[in-house]
Structures are given as C-alpha cells and as structure tokens.
Amino acid sequence: MSARQPHWPDNARASLNLNMVVHLACTVARFQVNRLEAFLQHYKSLGVDQFWMTIHSPASDAEDDGGQLSTELSKYAADQTIHFSTLTGVFDAMLVRKHHDTLQADAFIPSDWVLWADVDEFQIYPDDLRCTLARADRMGAMHISGELVDRVARNGILAPLDPHQSIWEQFPVGCALTLQVLKGYSHKVVAAKGAVRLTPGNHEVLPGLGPTRWAPELAAIHHFKWDETVVARLSSRLEPAWKAKCSWWPESERFLNFIHDRRELDLSSLLTFDFGKGNHRIDDAAAWHFVHCLRCSNPEWPKRWGMAEAETE
C-alpha cells in the first residue's frame, strides 16, 4: 500500500474565518471519477468547507491511463477547498479506513466536524447542515447517524449512470435493498467530531473516548450504488481472496442470488418510496417518514459493538 497524504494549507483555516470548520473525507475508485462533479456540487450546496478526496487505484492498475485521470481532475485544480491524495493497493474497507485514520490525524482537529461519505452516498439532513452541527455542539453530541436509502431506477432496472444528467432523477425510487436483501448494516456515521474514530465502512463508532453522545437527528444517506456496473463489482467479491479477508462477502452473494440472471430488481418485496422529480424532497414529511421507517426496521440499531448508546428526544 502507498499513499500520499495531503497537509492542511497554512492559511486555509484562517481564510475561512469561521467558528466551525466542516470537512468531508471520501475515497474514490478511479473508475468512479465520473461521479465526482455531482458529488462535490451536492456537498458544496450543504455547506462543506474542505474536501479531502483520495483517488484509489488497485496495485495492478497503478500505471498511467493515458492522462484521462489527470484530465478529469484538472477541472478542480483552481478550487483550493478540494485536496486530492492517492492510495494504491487491493481495495477493501480496512485499507480505506487505515488511510482515513492517517488523514484524520493529519488534517483534522478535535473541534472540527467531518462528514464521512462514499462517492455514491449523498447525505441529506432534515435541517440546514451547519445549523444541525451547531445544535449538536451545544448539546455535547459528537456524532450523527444516518440510514441508507438505496436509490434505484424505476421498475428496478440496473440502468447506466449518465454523469451529465441528474442522478436524483435517473434513480428516483428509494428502497431497502441493503437492509432487506443484503442483510447488511444500513446505518452509518454520517458526521463526527475530528477526534472520533470509526470502524471500516464508517458504520460504527470505535470506543476509546469514553461515553459519547449521538445527536438526535437522523440523516438520510441516498445510496446510488445500484447501476449497471454493480453486478460485475459485487461478483468480484465472491473470489476466494476477497472471501478470505472480508467476512461480509455473503451480502454480495445475497444480492446476486436476488437478481439471478436478470438485470433488474424485484421491488415488490421491498420497502419503497418514489421520490419523483422532487429529488430528495427535504421538506416532504412523507419522504422523511419513509427514512424513519427504514431506521425502525433496522434490527442492528442502536446497540451494536463499538457504538455508543443512541440518544433520542
């Protein structure tokens, strides 16, 4: 494994002139760089100050790609809020977590807030992000939980992703694929103070700081994983080498068994909600009711190994 770590620019914090600095950390596979523009636009609209983006290449694909990656990233060269680093090695959640731990120690201070998101995860909060974080600070909360809302195309088709079209409109149906089919962890830590350490996959809080408190808000994590490439991506996780190191490989097997030889999902057995053209419909009570139904259906929340006791109001 190799990584080039970014360093906080000397004048970055002073130039923000804010009482609160909000970071976002994300590791992006090279084949997913076409998702960057929509991802960055979304989180800029939420009010993120600094982006720490790592481009991951497997060891067998670390060679030059003819300049395609450099060309894709060059559009962000003038944006001083976006910091790129690189990570090389065979992908797994442990590799990424180890890299993020190093980044966390290098770039963040305990009073900062950090959003943790994969490039296919678009977080939505029931209130303005900065107001939500400020409220968490006032009550002494150190982390915020989110629930995955798996977004799929209508009729369950595993559609191609068009980076030039609205991702929200391409995949308008929310469902509980991770929860009901994969039997995976559908809860994640969406935001945490700079000193809070997370488990691989950002699902849980590691012990070590003593008792910590969850903010009462629940974020929606709109999960745009389910496009036409997902079958090939998850099939590779049934290879012996992956199965030997990643105990959660049965989740991929359950997904592939669920779709069989088809290239569409049977949504009839899943909790679903059609978001229509309203994107995330942040002010729609029915949409938030759906998110809370997903959380209430999650048997792994709130008492999981490594997690602080959930706070509710």
Protein backbone atom coordinates (compact mmCIF):
# COMPACT_ATOMS: atom_id res chain seq x y z
CA MET A 1 0.00 0.00 0.00
CA SER A 2 1.17 3.50 -0.72
CA ALA A 3 -0.43 6.85 -0.03
CA ARG A 4 0.45 10.47 -0.49
CA GLN A 5 -1.06 12.35 2.39
CA PRO A 6 -2.35 15.89 2.00
CA HIS A 7 -1.48 18.58 4.50
CA TRP A 8 -3.71 21.37 5.73
CA PRO A 9 -2.68 24.56 3.91
CA ASP A 10 -1.12 27.04 6.35
CA ASN A 11 -3.67 29.76 5.64
CA ALA A 12 -6.73 27.62 5.00
CA ARG A 13 -8.28 27.72 8.46
CA ALA A 14 -7.59 31.46 8.90
CA SER A 15 -9.04 32.26 5.49
CA LEU A 16 -12.30 30.52 6.36
CA ASN A 17 -12.84 32.86 9.30
CA LEU A 18 -15.50 30.57 10.72
CA ASN A 19 -16.22 29.28 14.20
CA MET A 20 -16.92 25.88 12.67
CA VAL A 21 -14.90 24.08 10.01
CA VAL A 22 -16.76 21.31 8.17
CA HIS A 23 -14.69 18.75 6.28
CA LEU A 24 -15.65 15.87 4.05
CA ALA A 25 -13.46 12.78 3.56
CA CYS A 26 -14.04 10.37 0.69
CA THR A 27 -12.02 7.74 -1.16
CA VAL A 28 -12.97 7.33 -4.82
CA ALA A 29 -12.06 4.44 -7.11
CA ARG A 30 -10.55 5.56 -10.41
CA PHE A 31 -13.48 4.13 -12.37
CA GLN A 32 -15.85 6.31 -10.33
CA VAL A 33 -14.26 9.70 -11.01
CA ASN A 34 -17.15 10.48 -13.38
CA ARG A 35 -19.29 10.74 -10.23
CA LEU A 36 -17.17 13.49 -8.70
CA GLU A 37 -18.87 16.52 -10.17
CA ALA A 38 -22.35 15.70 -8.89
CA PHE A 39 -20.92 14.56 -5.55
CA LEU A 40 -18.91 17.74 -4.97
CA GLN A 41 -21.75 20.00 -6.09
CA HIS A 42 -24.11 18.33 -3.66
CA TYR A 43 -21.86 18.69 -0.65
CA LYS A 44 -20.84 22.23 -1.54
CA SER A 45 -24.55 23.07 -1.52
CA LEU A 46 -24.77 21.66 2.01
CA GLY A 47 -22.00 23.98 3.21
CA VAL A 48 -18.89 21.78 3.41
CA ASP A 49 -15.72 23.90 3.70
CA GLN A 50 -12.91 21.49 2.84
CA PHE A 51 -12.90 18.30 0.77
CA TRP A 52 -10.29 15.57 1.28
CA MET A 53 -10.62 13.33 -1.77
CA THR A 54 -8.48 10.24 -2.21
CA ILE A 55 -8.21 8.53 -5.59
CA HIS A 56 -7.73 4.79 -5.20
CA SER A 57 -6.05 2.53 -7.74
CA PRO A 58 -5.56 -1.21 -7.29
CA ALA A 59 -1.94 -2.32 -7.41
CA SER A 60 -2.45 -3.89 -10.83
CA ASP A 61 -3.85 -0.67 -12.28
CA ALA A 62 -1.49 1.96 -10.89
CA GLU A 63 0.13 2.70 -14.25
CA ASP A 64 -0.66 5.80 -16.29
CA ASP A 65 -4.03 5.70 -18.03
CA GLY A 66 -3.07 7.95 -20.89
CA GLY A 67 -3.76 11.10 -18.91
CA GLN A 68 -7.51 10.51 -18.58
CA LEU A 69 -7.48 10.73 -14.80
CA SER A 70 -5.31 13.86 -14.82
CA THR A 71 -7.65 15.46 -17.32
CA GLU A 72 -10.69 14.63 -15.18
CA LEU A 73 -9.11 16.07 -12.05
CA SER A 74 -7.64 19.15 -13.71
CA LYS A 75 -11.05 20.86 -13.67
CA TYR A 76 -10.71 21.13 -9.88
CA ALA A 77 -7.14 22.46 -9.86
CA ALA A 78 -8.17 26.05 -9.11
CA ASP A 79 -10.50 25.07 -6.25
CA GLN A 80 -8.47 25.47 -3.08
CA THR A 81 -11.14 23.75 -0.99
CA ILE A 82 -10.50 20.37 -2.67
CA HIS A 83 -7.40 18.41 -1.66
CA PHE A 84 -6.52 15.27 -3.62
CA SER A 85 -4.32 12.41 -2.48
CA THR A 86 -3.68 8.94 -3.85
CA LEU A 87 -3.98 5.43 -2.45
CA THR A 88 -2.67 2.27 -4.10
CA GLY A 89 -3.48 -1.28 -3.06
CA VAL A 90 -6.06 -4.03 -3.34
CA PHE A 91 -9.31 -2.43 -2.25
CA ASP A 92 -11.14 -3.32 0.93
CA ALA A 93 -12.76 -1.34 3.72
CA MET A 94 -9.81 -1.92 6.04
CA LEU A 95 -7.37 -0.38 3.56
CA VAL A 96 -9.55 2.70 3.21
CA ARG A 97 -10.11 3.01 6.97
CA LYS A 98 -6.38 2.85 7.68
CA HIS A 99 -5.81 5.59 5.12
CA HIS A 100 -8.61 7.71 6.57
CA ASP A 101 -7.21 7.30 10.08
CA THR A 102 -3.91 8.75 8.90
CA LEU A 103 -5.70 11.57 7.08
CA GLN A 104 -7.79 12.26 10.17
CA ALA A 105 -4.71 12.65 12.36
CA ASP A 106 -3.04 14.89 9.78
CA ALA A 107 -5.83 17.22 8.67
CA PHE A 108 -8.49 17.49 11.37
CA ILE A 109 -8.58 18.86 14.91
CA PRO A 110 -10.97 17.58 17.62
CA SER A 111 -13.35 20.55 17.37
CA ASP A 112 -13.83 20.15 13.60
CA TRP A 113 -16.77 18.30 12.11
CA VAL A 114 -16.07 15.66 9.48
CA LEU A 115 -18.60 14.22 7.04
CA TRP A 116 -17.73 10.66 6.03
CA ALA A 117 -19.22 9.60 2.70
CA ASP A 118 -18.57 7.26 -0.19
CA VAL A 119 -18.82 8.83 -3.62
CA ASP A 120 -22.18 7.12 -4.21
CA GLU A 121 -23.62 8.43 -0.92
CA PHE A 122 -25.48 11.75 -0.92
CA GLN A 123 -26.39 12.77 2.62
CA ILE A 124 -29.49 14.82 3.34
CA TYR A 125 -30.27 16.35 6.73
CA PRO A 126 -33.71 17.37 8.00
CA ASP A 127 -32.34 20.87 8.63
CA ASP A 128 -29.53 23.09 7.35
CA LEU A 129 -26.26 21.19 7.84
CA ARG A 130 -24.39 23.90 9.70
CA CYS A 131 -27.38 24.54 11.98
CA THR A 132 -27.56 20.80 12.68
CA LEU A 133 -23.87 20.64 13.59
CA ALA A 134 -24.07 23.78 15.73
CA ARG A 135 -27.02 22.30 17.60
CA ALA A 136 -25.04 19.09 18.15
CA ASP A 137 -22.16 21.15 19.56
CA ARG A 138 -24.45 22.93 22.00
CA MET A 139 -25.80 19.65 23.37
CA GLY A 140 -22.38 17.99 23.54
CA ALA A 141 -23.10 15.41 20.81
CA MET A 142 -20.08 14.12 18.92
CA HIS A 143 -21.60 12.17 16.03
CA ILE A 144 -24.70 11.91 13.85
CA SER A 145 -26.26 8.76 12.45
CA GLY A 146 -27.69 8.17 9.00
CA GLU A 147 -29.76 5.45 7.37
CA LEU A 148 -29.13 4.18 3.85
CA VAL A 149 -31.85 4.87 1.29
CA ASP A 150 -30.92 2.69 -1.67
CA ARG A 151 -31.81 4.55 -4.87
CA VAL A 152 -32.74 2.57 -7.97
CA ALA A 153 -34.21 3.24 -11.38
CA ARG A 154 -37.91 2.71 -11.92
CA ASN A 155 -39.02 -0.89 -12.38
CA GLY A 156 -35.81 -1.99 -10.65
CA ILE A 157 -33.73 -1.76 -13.82
CA LEU A 158 -29.95 -1.65 -13.27
CA ALA A 159 -29.59 1.37 -15.51
CA PRO A 160 -26.39 3.00 -16.78
CA LEU A 161 -25.30 6.14 -14.94
CA ASP A 162 -25.22 9.26 -17.10
CA PRO A 163 -22.93 11.80 -15.36
CA HIS A 164 -24.49 14.58 -17.42
CA GLN A 165 -28.00 14.01 -16.09
CA SER A 166 -29.47 14.49 -12.62
CA ILE A 167 -28.57 11.43 -10.55
CA TRP A 168 -31.68 12.02 -8.45
CA GLU A 169 -33.97 11.77 -11.48
CA GLN A 170 -32.15 8.79 -13.00
CA PHE A 171 -32.68 6.76 -9.82
CA PRO A 172 -35.91 8.14 -8.33
CA VAL A 173 -37.04 5.15 -6.25
CA GLY A 174 -35.80 4.71 -2.70
CA CYS A 175 -35.81 1.20 -1.26
CA ALA A 176 -34.39 -1.02 1.50
CA LEU A 177 -32.12 -3.20 -0.64
CA THR A 178 -29.16 -3.17 1.76
CA LEU A 179 -31.39 -3.83 4.76
CA GLN A 180 -33.84 -6.38 3.39
CA VAL A 181 -31.86 -8.25 0.72
CA LEU A 182 -28.19 -7.95 1.61
CA LYS A 183 -28.93 -8.14 5.36
CA GLY A 184 -26.15 -5.60 5.73
CA TYR A 185 -25.61 -2.63 8.03
CA SER A 186 -27.86 0.12 6.72
CA HIS A 187 -26.76 2.56 9.43
CA LYS A 188 -23.62 4.68 9.09
CA VAL A 189 -21.94 7.53 10.91
CA VAL A 190 -22.52 10.47 8.58
CA ALA A 191 -20.75 13.17 10.61
CA ALA A 192 -18.46 13.11 13.63
CA LYS A 193 -16.10 15.35 15.53
CA GLY A 194 -12.48 15.28 14.44
CA ALA A 195 -11.36 13.09 17.35
CA VAL A 196 -13.98 10.37 16.82
CA ARG A 197 -12.64 7.18 15.21
CA LEU A 198 -14.83 4.92 13.10
CA THR A 199 -14.89 1.27 12.08
CA PRO A 200 -14.22 0.18 8.48
CA GLY A 201 -17.13 1.21 6.30
CA ASN A 202 -17.98 4.08 8.67
CA HIS A 203 -20.80 2.07 10.19
CA GLU A 204 -19.93 2.42 13.86
CA VAL A 205 -18.02 4.48 16.40
CA LEU A 206 -14.91 2.94 17.91
CA PRO A 207 -14.61 3.02 21.70
CA GLY A 208 -11.79 4.98 23.24
CA LEU A 209 -13.12 8.45 24.02
CA GLY A 210 -15.32 7.28 26.83
CA PRO A 211 -19.13 7.71 26.70
CA THR A 212 -20.14 9.85 23.74
CA ARG A 213 -23.49 11.16 22.68
CA TRP A 214 -25.40 10.84 19.43
CA ALA A 215 -27.19 13.88 18.06
CA PRO A 216 -30.96 13.28 17.90
CA GLU A 217 -31.18 13.99 14.16
CA LEU A 218 -31.34 11.17 11.64
CA ALA A 219 -29.80 11.84 8.22
CA ALA A 220 -30.84 10.14 5.00
CA ILE A 221 -27.98 8.61 3.02
CA HIS A 222 -29.20 8.39 -0.57
CA HIS A 223 -27.18 5.47 -1.91
CA PHE A 224 -26.62 5.50 -5.68
CA LYS A 225 -24.74 2.21 -5.91
CA TRP A 226 -27.23 0.26 -7.95
CA ASP A 227 -26.40 0.95 -11.59
CA GLU A 228 -25.49 -1.39 -14.45
CA THR A 229 -21.93 -1.90 -13.13
CA VAL A 230 -22.94 -3.31 -9.76
CA VAL A 231 -23.21 -6.96 -10.83
CA ALA A 232 -19.60 -7.06 -12.05
CA ARG A 233 -18.38 -5.15 -8.99
CA LEU A 234 -20.08 -7.44 -6.49
CA SER A 235 -19.28 -10.62 -8.41
CA SER A 236 -15.60 -9.96 -7.82
CA ARG A 237 -16.28 -10.09 -4.09
CA LEU A 238 -17.04 -13.81 -4.34
CA GLU A 239 -13.48 -14.58 -5.39
CA PRO A 240 -11.60 -16.70 -2.82
CA ALA A 241 -9.09 -13.95 -1.96
CA TRP A 242 -11.86 -11.47 -1.12
CA LYS A 243 -13.87 -14.02 0.84
CA ALA A 244 -10.79 -14.91 2.88
CA LYS A 245 -10.30 -11.36 4.17
CA CYS A 246 -13.81 -9.87 4.15
CA SER A 247 -16.32 -11.72 6.29
CA TRP A 248 -19.23 -9.74 4.88
CA TRP A 249 -18.96 -11.36 1.42
CA PRO A 250 -22.34 -13.13 1.89
CA GLU A 251 -24.01 -9.74 1.36
CA SER A 252 -22.78 -9.73 -2.24
CA GLU A 253 -23.89 -13.33 -2.69
CA ARG A 254 -27.38 -12.49 -1.42
CA PHE A 255 -27.64 -9.63 -3.90
CA LEU A 256 -26.54 -11.78 -6.85
CA ASN A 257 -28.96 -14.53 -5.82
CA PHE A 258 -31.74 -11.96 -5.56
CA ILE A 259 -31.40 -10.82 -9.17
CA HIS A 260 -30.49 -14.27 -10.58
CA ASP A 261 -29.77 -13.92 -14.32
CA ARG A 262 -31.86 -10.83 -14.76
CA ARG A 263 -30.57 -7.31 -14.80
CA GLU A 264 -33.38 -5.85 -12.79
CA LEU A 265 -34.54 -5.93 -9.20
CA ASP A 266 -37.88 -7.22 -7.99
CA LEU A 267 -39.03 -4.31 -5.85
CA SER A 268 -42.35 -5.89 -4.89
CA SER A 269 -40.99 -7.35 -1.65
CA LEU A 270 -39.09 -4.24 -0.54
CA LEU A 271 -39.97 -1.09 1.34
CA THR A 272 -40.04 1.58 -1.36
CA PHE A 273 -40.73 5.27 -1.84
CA ASP A 274 -40.88 7.13 -5.15
CA PHE A 275 -39.12 10.47 -4.78
CA GLY A 276 -40.24 11.54 -8.24
CA LYS A 277 -38.71 14.71 -9.62
CA GLY A 278 -38.56 16.25 -6.17
CA ASN A 279 -35.01 14.98 -5.75
CA HIS A 280 -34.55 14.35 -2.04
CA ARG A 281 -37.72 16.29 -1.12
CA ILE A 282 -36.14 17.61 2.05
CA ASP A 283 -39.38 19.32 3.14
CA ASP A 284 -41.63 16.37 2.33
CA ALA A 285 -42.98 14.79 5.51
CA ALA A 286 -43.79 11.55 3.67
CA ALA A 287 -40.20 11.22 2.46
CA TRP A 288 -38.83 11.62 5.98
CA HIS A 289 -41.43 9.21 7.31
CA PHE A 290 -40.00 6.65 4.87
CA VAL A 291 -36.46 7.27 6.15
CA HIS A 292 -37.63 6.76 9.73
CA CYS A 293 -39.46 3.57 8.71
CA LEU A 294 -36.17 2.26 7.35
CA ARG A 295 -34.43 3.08 10.64
CA CYS A 296 -37.16 1.44 12.68
CA SER A 297 -36.83 -1.69 10.51
CA ASN A 298 -33.08 -1.83 11.15
CA PRO A 299 -32.52 -4.50 13.81
CA GLU A 300 -28.86 -3.54 14.22
CA TRP A 301 -29.61 -0.05 15.56
CA PRO A 302 -28.92 1.21 18.15
CA LYS A 303 -26.99 -1.42 20.13
CA ARG A 304 -24.05 -2.68 18.11
CA TRP A 305 -20.49 -3.50 19.15
CA GLY A 306 -18.41 -0.34 19.28
CA MET A 307 -21.38 2.01 19.24
CA ALA A 308 -22.31 4.50 21.91
CA GLU A 309 -25.85 4.34 23.21
CA ALA A 310 -28.20 6.16 20.84
CA GLU A 311 -29.67 9.40 22.10
CA THR A 312 -33.26 10.19 21.29
CA GLU A 313 -35.54 13.05 22.09
